[in-house]
């Protein structure tokens, strides 16, 4: 039986039988969310929207890492 708060149906429908959070809780926020949207894309009504959300989170993670790398390079040059 689906519990819309604790165990929504689209959380439980992956063919692996694994719940997405079991994987994503070991990642940072943006990567975890990107994986979440990819993982559940075909389990909800609008797969394209979920894939676009995943891309949004991936772009945000890439931007964050670029800033981190730039900051690190600045410190190393000093």
PDB file of N, CA and C in Angstrom:
ATOM      1  N   UNK A   1       0.840  -1.183   0.000  1.00  0.00           N
ATOM      2  CA  UNK A   1       0.000   0.000   0.000  1.00  0.00           C
ATOM      3  C   UNK A   1       0.887   1.250   0.000  1.00  0.00           C
ATOM      4  N   UNK A   2       0.535   2.193  -0.850  1.00  0.00           N
ATOM      5  CA  UNK A   2       1.310   3.425  -0.981  1.00  0.00           C
ATOM      6  C   UNK A   2       0.979   4.402   0.142  1.00  0.00           C
ATOM      7  N   UNK A   3       1.998   5.015   0.679  1.00  0.00           N
ATOM      8  CA  UNK A   3       1.861   6.079   1.673  1.00  0.00           C
ATOM      9  C   UNK A   3       2.401   7.338   0.985  1.00  0.00           C
ATOM     10  N   UNK A   4       1.549   8.307   0.631  1.00  0.00           N
ATOM     11  CA  UNK A   4       1.998   9.445  -0.165  1.00  0.00           C
ATOM     12  C   UNK A   4       3.063  10.320   0.490  1.00  0.00           C
ATOM     13  N   UNK A   5       3.274  10.189   1.781  1.00  0.00           N
ATOM     14  CA  UNK A   5       4.305  10.971   2.456  1.00  0.00           C
ATOM     15  C   UNK A   5       5.594  10.174   2.594  1.00  0.00           C
ATOM     16  N   UNK A   6       5.509   8.980   3.133  1.00  0.00           N
ATOM     17  CA  UNK A   6       6.703   8.196   3.443  1.00  0.00           C
ATOM     18  C   UNK A   6       7.151   7.244   2.342  1.00  0.00           C
ATOM     19  N   UNK A   7       6.239   6.761   1.553  1.00  0.00           N
ATOM     20  CA  UNK A   7       6.581   5.804   0.496  1.00  0.00           C
ATOM     21  C   UNK A   7       5.640   5.954  -0.695  1.00  0.00           C
ATOM     22  N   UNK A   8       5.717   7.108  -1.406  1.00  0.00           N
ATOM     23  CA  UNK A   8       4.859   7.292  -2.572  1.00  0.00           C
ATOM     24  C   UNK A   8       5.104   6.200  -3.616  1.00  0.00           C
ATOM     25  N   UNK A   9       4.094   5.908  -4.395  1.00  0.00           N
ATOM     26  CA  UNK A   9       4.182   4.835  -5.385  1.00  0.00           C
ATOM     27  C   UNK A   9       5.355   5.038  -6.339  1.00  0.00           C
ATOM     28  N   UNK A  10       5.610   6.292  -6.769  1.00  0.00           N
ATOM     29  CA  UNK A  10       6.704   6.510  -7.721  1.00  0.00           C
ATOM     30  C   UNK A  10       8.079   6.369  -7.063  1.00  0.00           C
ATOM     31  N   UNK A  11       8.149   6.247  -5.758  1.00  0.00           N
ATOM     32  CA  UNK A  11       9.414   5.948  -5.079  1.00  0.00           C
ATOM     33  C   UNK A  11       9.710   4.453  -5.122  1.00  0.00           C
ATOM     34  N   UNK A  12       8.683   3.658  -5.284  1.00  0.00           N
ATOM     35  CA  UNK A  12       8.807   2.209  -5.137  1.00  0.00           C
ATOM     36  C   UNK A  12       8.764   1.458  -6.465  1.00  0.00           C
ATOM     37  N   UNK A  13       8.637   2.162  -7.584  1.00  0.00           N
ATOM     38  CA  UNK A  13       8.401   1.495  -8.854  1.00  0.00           C
ATOM     39  C   UNK A  13       9.610   1.137  -9.672  1.00  0.00           C
ATOM     40  N   UNK A  14      10.815   1.436  -9.216  1.00  0.00           N
ATOM     41  CA  UNK A  14      12.005   1.127 -10.013  1.00  0.00           C
ATOM     42  C   UNK A  14      12.174  -0.383 -10.126  1.00  0.00           C
ATOM     43  N   UNK A  15      12.520  -0.879 -11.317  1.00  0.00           N
ATOM     44  CA  UNK A  15      12.658  -2.324 -11.507  1.00  0.00           C
ATOM     45  C   UNK A  15      13.679  -3.003 -10.580  1.00  0.00           C
ATOM     46  N   UNK A  16      14.626  -2.233 -10.075  1.00  0.00           N
ATOM     47  CA  UNK A  16      15.644  -2.813  -9.191  1.00  0.00           C
ATOM     48  C   UNK A  16      15.065  -3.190  -7.831  1.00  0.00           C
ATOM     49  N   UNK A  17      13.927  -2.572  -7.483  1.00  0.00           N
ATOM     50  CA  UNK A  17      13.356  -2.782  -6.160  1.00  0.00           C
ATOM     51  C   UNK A  17      13.995  -1.915  -5.094  1.00  0.00           C
ATOM     52  N   UNK A  18      15.010  -1.160  -5.476  1.00  0.00           N
ATOM     53  CA  UNK A  18      15.715  -0.278  -4.547  1.00  0.00           C
ATOM     54  C   UNK A  18      15.005   1.068  -4.545  1.00  0.00           C
ATOM     55  N   UNK A  19      14.886   1.659  -3.388  1.00  0.00           N
ATOM     56  CA  UNK A  19      14.335   3.001  -3.301  1.00  0.00           C
ATOM     57  C   UNK A  19      15.459   3.999  -3.589  1.00  0.00           C
ATOM     58  N   UNK A  20      15.169   4.992  -4.367  1.00  0.00           N
ATOM     59  CA  UNK A  20      16.164   5.963  -4.828  1.00  0.00           C
ATOM     60  C   UNK A  20      16.982   6.567  -3.681  1.00  0.00           C
ATOM     61  N   UNK A  21      16.353   6.862  -2.570  1.00  0.00           N
ATOM     62  CA  UNK A  21      17.047   7.512  -1.458  1.00  0.00           C
ATOM     63  C   UNK A  21      18.188   6.645  -0.911  1.00  0.00           C
ATOM     64  N   UNK A  22      18.080   5.336  -1.086  1.00  0.00           N
ATOM     65  CA  UNK A  22      19.144   4.445  -0.621  1.00  0.00           C
ATOM     66  C   UNK A  22      20.464   4.730  -1.335  1.00  0.00           C
ATOM     67  N   UNK A  23      20.379   5.257  -2.536  1.00  0.00           N
ATOM     68  CA  UNK A  23      21.571   5.610  -3.310  1.00  0.00           C
ATOM     69  C   UNK A  23      21.917   7.088  -3.119  1.00  0.00           C
ATOM     70  N   UNK A  24      20.924   7.958  -3.268  1.00  0.00           N
ATOM     71  CA  UNK A  24      21.208   9.392  -3.314  1.00  0.00           C
ATOM     72  C   UNK A  24      21.611  10.000  -1.981  1.00  0.00           C
ATOM     73  N   UNK A  25      21.284   9.351  -0.872  1.00  0.00           N
ATOM     74  CA  UNK A  25      21.676   9.924   0.415  1.00  0.00           C
ATOM     75  C   UNK A  25      23.186   9.896   0.617  1.00  0.00           C
ATOM     76  N   UNK A  26      23.906   9.217  -0.269  1.00  0.00           N
ATOM     77  CA  UNK A  26      25.370   9.162  -0.193  1.00  0.00           C
ATOM     78  C   UNK A  26      26.030  10.168  -1.128  1.00  0.00           C
ATOM     79  N   UNK A  27      25.221  11.030  -1.734  1.00  0.00           N
ATOM     80  CA  UNK A  27      25.726  12.023  -2.686  1.00  0.00           C
ATOM     81  C   UNK A  27      25.472  13.415  -2.129  1.00  0.00           C
ATOM     82  N   UNK A  28      26.069  14.392  -2.746  1.00  0.00           N
ATOM     83  CA  UNK A  28      25.737  15.770  -2.417  1.00  0.00           C
ATOM     84  C   UNK A  28      24.330  16.096  -2.900  1.00  0.00           C
ATOM     85  N   UNK A  29      23.841  17.267  -2.509  1.00  0.00           N
ATOM     86  CA  UNK A  29      22.460  17.649  -2.798  1.00  0.00           C
ATOM     87  C   UNK A  29      22.153  17.661  -4.294  1.00  0.00           C
ATOM     88  N   UNK A  30      22.924  18.389  -5.073  1.00  0.00           N
ATOM     89  CA  UNK A  30      22.614  18.534  -6.497  1.00  0.00           C
ATOM     90  C   UNK A  30      22.768  17.221  -7.254  1.00  0.00           C
ATOM     91  N   UNK A  31      23.823  16.485  -7.000  1.00  0.00           N
ATOM     92  CA  UNK A  31      23.987  15.192  -7.671  1.00  0.00           C
ATOM     93  C   UNK A  31      22.882  14.223  -7.269  1.00  0.00           C
ATOM     94  N   UNK A  32      22.552  14.216  -6.003  1.00  0.00           N
ATOM     95  CA  UNK A  32      21.483  13.345  -5.531  1.00  0.00           C
ATOM     96  C   UNK A  32      20.156  13.664  -6.180  1.00  0.00           C
ATOM     97  N   UNK A  33      19.852  14.961  -6.314  1.00  0.00           N
ATOM     98  CA  UNK A  33      18.601  15.340  -6.959  1.00  0.00           C
ATOM     99  C   UNK A  33      18.605  14.993  -8.435  1.00  0.00           C
ATOM    100  N   UNK A  34      19.738  15.186  -9.114  1.00  0.00           N
ATOM    101  CA  UNK A  34      19.813  14.814 -10.527  1.00  0.00           C
ATOM    102  C   UNK A  34      19.541  13.318 -10.693  1.00  0.00           C
ATOM    103  N   UNK A  35      20.169  12.510  -9.875  1.00  0.00           N
ATOM    104  CA  UNK A  35      19.954  11.059  -9.939  1.00  0.00           C
ATOM    105  C   UNK A  35      18.494  10.733  -9.630  1.00  0.00           C
ATOM    106  N   UNK A  36      17.931  11.398  -8.646  1.00  0.00           N
ATOM    107  CA  UNK A  36      16.530  11.165  -8.273  1.00  0.00           C
ATOM    108  C   UNK A  36      15.605  11.398  -9.459  1.00  0.00           C
ATOM    109  N   UNK A  37      15.792  12.508 -10.159  1.00  0.00           N
ATOM    110  CA  UNK A  37      14.917  12.804 -11.286  1.00  0.00           C
ATOM    111  C   UNK A  37      15.128  11.832 -12.441  1.00  0.00           C
ATOM    112  N   UNK A  38      16.361  11.415 -12.675  1.00  0.00           N
ATOM    113  CA  UNK A  38      16.620  10.413 -13.719  1.00  0.00           C
ATOM    114  C   UNK A  38      16.000   9.081 -13.318  1.00  0.00           C
ATOM    115  N   UNK A  39      16.222   8.691 -12.077  1.00  0.00           N
ATOM    116  CA  UNK A  39      15.749   7.412 -11.544  1.00  0.00           C
ATOM    117  C   UNK A  39      14.239   7.251 -11.711  1.00  0.00           C
ATOM    118  N   UNK A  40      13.509   8.335 -11.429  1.00  0.00           N
ATOM    119  CA  UNK A  40      12.051   8.254 -11.398  1.00  0.00           C
ATOM    120  C   UNK A  40      11.386   8.795 -12.653  1.00  0.00           C
ATOM    121  N   UNK A  41      12.169   9.153 -13.672  1.00  0.00           N
ATOM    122  CA  UNK A  41      11.605   9.802 -14.859  1.00  0.00           C
ATOM    123  C   UNK A  41      10.487   8.990 -15.503  1.00  0.00           C
ATOM    124  N   UNK A  42      10.634   7.718 -15.621  1.00  0.00           N
ATOM    125  CA  UNK A  42       9.614   6.904 -16.274  1.00  0.00           C
ATOM    126  C   UNK A  42       8.565   6.375 -15.306  1.00  0.00           C
ATOM    127  N   UNK A  43       8.640   6.779 -14.060  1.00  0.00           N
ATOM    128  CA  UNK A  43       7.682   6.305 -13.060  1.00  0.00           C
ATOM    129  C   UNK A  43       6.611   7.349 -12.758  1.00  0.00           C
ATOM    130  N   UNK A  44       6.755   8.526 -13.342  1.00  0.00           N
ATOM    131  CA  UNK A  44       5.794   9.602 -13.132  1.00  0.00           C
ATOM    132  C   UNK A  44       5.228  10.011 -14.485  1.00  0.00           C
ATOM    133  N   UNK A  45       4.357  10.995 -14.500  1.00  0.00           N
ATOM    134  CA  UNK A  45       3.624  11.320 -15.717  1.00  0.00           C
ATOM    135  C   UNK A  45       4.435  12.049 -16.791  1.00  0.00           C
ATOM    136  N   UNK A  46       5.414  12.852 -16.427  1.00  0.00           N
ATOM    137  CA  UNK A  46       6.130  13.669 -17.411  1.00  0.00           C
ATOM    138  C   UNK A  46       7.630  13.416 -17.332  1.00  0.00           C
ATOM    139  N   UNK A  47       8.087  12.412 -18.061  1.00  0.00           N
ATOM    140  CA  UNK A  47       9.500  12.033 -18.028  1.00  0.00           C
ATOM    141  C   UNK A  47      10.401  13.156 -18.525  1.00  0.00           C
ATOM    142  N   UNK A  48       9.982  13.867 -19.546  1.00  0.00           N
ATOM    143  CA  UNK A  48      10.821  14.941 -20.097  1.00  0.00           C
ATOM    144  C   UNK A  48      11.032  16.033 -19.059  1.00  0.00           C
ATOM    145  N   UNK A  49       9.997  16.394 -18.327  1.00  0.00           N
ATOM    146  CA  UNK A  49      10.147  17.409 -17.285  1.00  0.00           C
ATOM    147  C   UNK A  49      11.135  16.948 -16.220  1.00  0.00           C
ATOM    148  N   UNK A  50      11.043  15.692 -15.818  1.00  0.00           N
ATOM    149  CA  UNK A  50      11.978  15.181 -14.815  1.00  0.00           C
ATOM    150  C   UNK A  50      13.409  15.174 -15.351  1.00  0.00           C
ATOM    151  N   UNK A  51      13.596  14.827 -16.608  1.00  0.00           N
ATOM    152  CA  UNK A  51      14.940  14.840 -17.187  1.00  0.00           C
ATOM    153  C   UNK A  51      15.477  16.266 -17.287  1.00  0.00           C
ATOM    154  N   UNK A  52      14.613  17.228 -17.592  1.00  0.00           N
ATOM    155  CA  UNK A  52      15.037  18.637 -17.607  1.00  0.00           C
ATOM    156  C   UNK A  52      15.438  19.105 -16.216  1.00  0.00           C
ATOM    157  N   UNK A  53      14.729  18.644 -15.198  1.00  0.00           N
ATOM    158  CA  UNK A  53      15.106  18.977 -13.816  1.00  0.00           C
ATOM    159  C   UNK A  53      16.469  18.380 -13.485  1.00  0.00           C
ATOM    160  N   UNK A  54      16.718  17.161 -13.936  1.00  0.00           N
ATOM    161  CA  UNK A  54      18.023  16.527 -13.698  1.00  0.00           C
ATOM    162  C   UNK A  54      19.139  17.347 -14.337  1.00  0.00           C
ATOM    163  N   UNK A  55      18.914  17.800 -15.561  1.00  0.00           N
ATOM    164  CA  UNK A  55      19.912  18.638 -16.246  1.00  0.00           C
ATOM    165  C   UNK A  55      20.146  19.919 -15.468  1.00  0.00           C
ATOM    166  N   UNK A  56      19.084  20.530 -14.934  1.00  0.00           N
ATOM    167  CA  UNK A  56      19.214  21.763 -14.162  1.00  0.00           C
ATOM    168  C   UNK A  56      20.131  21.537 -12.961  1.00  0.00           C
ATOM    169  N   UNK A  57      19.907  20.441 -12.234  1.00  0.00           N
ATOM    170  CA  UNK A  57      20.745  20.139 -11.067  1.00  0.00           C
ATOM    171  C   UNK A  57      22.174  19.816 -11.474  1.00  0.00           C
ATOM    172  N   UNK A  58      22.367  19.135 -12.590  1.00  0.00           N
ATOM    173  CA  UNK A  58      23.724  18.837 -13.055  1.00  0.00           C
ATOM    174  C   UNK A  58      24.462  20.125 -13.422  1.00  0.00           C
ATOM    175  N   UNK A  59      23.787  21.033 -14.100  1.00  0.00           N
ATOM    176  CA  UNK A  59      24.426  22.311 -14.450  1.00  0.00           C
ATOM    177  C   UNK A  59      24.801  23.092 -13.189  1.00  0.00           C
ATOM    178  N   UNK A  60      23.952  23.061 -12.204  1.00  0.00           N
ATOM    179  CA  UNK A  60      24.242  23.759 -10.948  1.00  0.00           C
ATOM    180  C   UNK A  60      25.452  23.136 -10.255  1.00  0.00           C
ATOM    181  N   UNK A  61      25.538  21.816 -10.253  1.00  0.00           N
ATOM    182  CA  UNK A  61      26.680  21.125  -9.652  1.00  0.00           C
ATOM    183  C   UNK A  61      27.969  21.436 -10.399  1.00  0.00           C
ATOM    184  N   UNK A  62      27.899  21.464 -11.723  1.00  0.00           N
ATOM    185  CA  UNK A  62      29.080  21.799 -12.523  1.00  0.00           C
ATOM    186  C   UNK A  62      29.540  23.215 -12.214  1.00  0.00           C
ATOM    187  N   UNK A  63      28.613  24.152 -12.140  1.00  0.00           N
ATOM    188  CA  UNK A  63      28.970  25.544 -11.818  1.00  0.00           C
ATOM    189  C   UNK A  63      29.615  25.635 -10.445  1.00  0.00           C
ATOM    190  N   UNK A  64      29.056  24.914  -9.473  1.00  0.00           N
ATOM    191  CA  UNK A  64      29.625  24.933  -8.113  1.00  0.00           C
ATOM    192  C   UNK A  64      31.044  24.384  -8.117  1.00  0.00           C
ATOM    193  N   UNK A  65      31.250  23.310  -8.838  1.00  0.00           N
ATOM    194  CA  UNK A  65      32.592  22.714  -8.875  1.00  0.00           C
ATOM    195  C   UNK A  65      33.586  23.605  -9.606  1.00  0.00           C
ATOM    196  N   UNK A  66      33.137  24.299 -10.614  1.00  0.00           N
ATOM    197  CA  UNK A  66      34.039  25.230 -11.308  1.00  0.00           C
ATOM    198  C   UNK A  66      34.501  26.333 -10.362  1.00  0.00           C
ATOM    199  N   UNK A  67      33.593  26.852  -9.562  1.00  0.00           N
ATOM    200  CA  UNK A  67      33.949  27.887  -8.577  1.00  0.00           C
ATOM    201  C   UNK A  67      34.918  27.305  -7.556  1.00  0.00           C
ATOM    202  N   UNK A  68      34.621  26.112  -7.059  1.00  0.00           N
ATOM    203  CA  UNK A  68      35.513  25.465  -6.087  1.00  0.00           C
ATOM    204  C   UNK A  68      36.905  25.262  -6.669  1.00  0.00           C
ATOM    205  N   UNK A  69      36.980  24.811  -7.911  1.00  0.00           N
ATOM    206  CA  UNK A  69      38.280  24.605  -8.556  1.00  0.00           C
ATOM    207  C   UNK A  69      39.010  25.924  -8.749  1.00  0.00           C
ATOM    208  N   UNK A  70      38.281  26.964  -9.144  1.00  0.00           N
ATOM    209  CA  UNK A  70      38.892  28.271  -9.317  1.00  0.00           C
ATOM    210  C   UNK A  70      39.441  28.773  -7.992  1.00  0.00           C
ATOM    211  N   UNK A  71      38.652  28.660  -6.924  1.00  0.00           N
ATOM    212  CA  UNK A  71      39.099  29.087  -5.592  1.00  0.00           C
ATOM    213  C   UNK A  71      40.342  28.321  -5.171  1.00  0.00           C
ATOM    214  N   UNK A  72      40.344  27.010  -5.397  1.00  0.00           N
ATOM    215  CA  UNK A  72      41.486  26.192  -5.024  1.00  0.00           C
ATOM    216  C   UNK A  72      42.730  26.596  -5.806  1.00  0.00           C
ATOM    217  N   UNK A  73      42.561  26.872  -7.089  1.00  0.00           N
ATOM    218  CA  UNK A  73      43.690  27.299  -7.925  1.00  0.00           C
ATOM    219  C   UNK A  73      44.239  28.645  -7.468  1.00  0.00           C
ATOM    220  N   UNK A  74      43.374  29.551  -7.021  1.00  0.00           N
ATOM    221  CA  UNK A  74      43.811  30.844  -6.538  1.00  0.00           C
ATOM    222  C   UNK A  74      44.672  30.702  -5.284  1.00  0.00           C
ATOM    223  N   UNK A  75      44.278  29.812  -4.404  1.00  0.00           N
ATOM    224  CA  UNK A  75      45.031  29.577  -3.158  1.00  0.00           C
ATOM    225  C   UNK A  75      46.387  28.964  -3.490  1.00  0.00           C
ATOM    226  N   UNK A  76      46.405  28.016  -4.423  1.00  0.00           N
ATOM    227  CA  UNK A  76      47.660  27.348  -4.787  1.00  0.00           C
ATOM    228  C   UNK A  76      48.646  28.301  -5.441  1.00  0.00           C
ATOM    229  N   UNK A  77      48.145  29.301  -6.151  1.00  0.00           N
ATOM    230  CA  UNK A  77      49.028  30.252  -6.840  1.00  0.00           C
ATOM    231  C   UNK A  77      49.662  31.255  -5.874  1.00  0.00           C
ATOM    232  N   UNK A  78      49.109  31.395  -4.678  1.00  0.00           N
ATOM    233  CA  UNK A  78      49.631  32.388  -3.743  1.00  0.00           C
ATOM    234  C   UNK A  78      50.879  31.924  -3.065  1.00  0.00           C
TER     235      UNK A  78
END
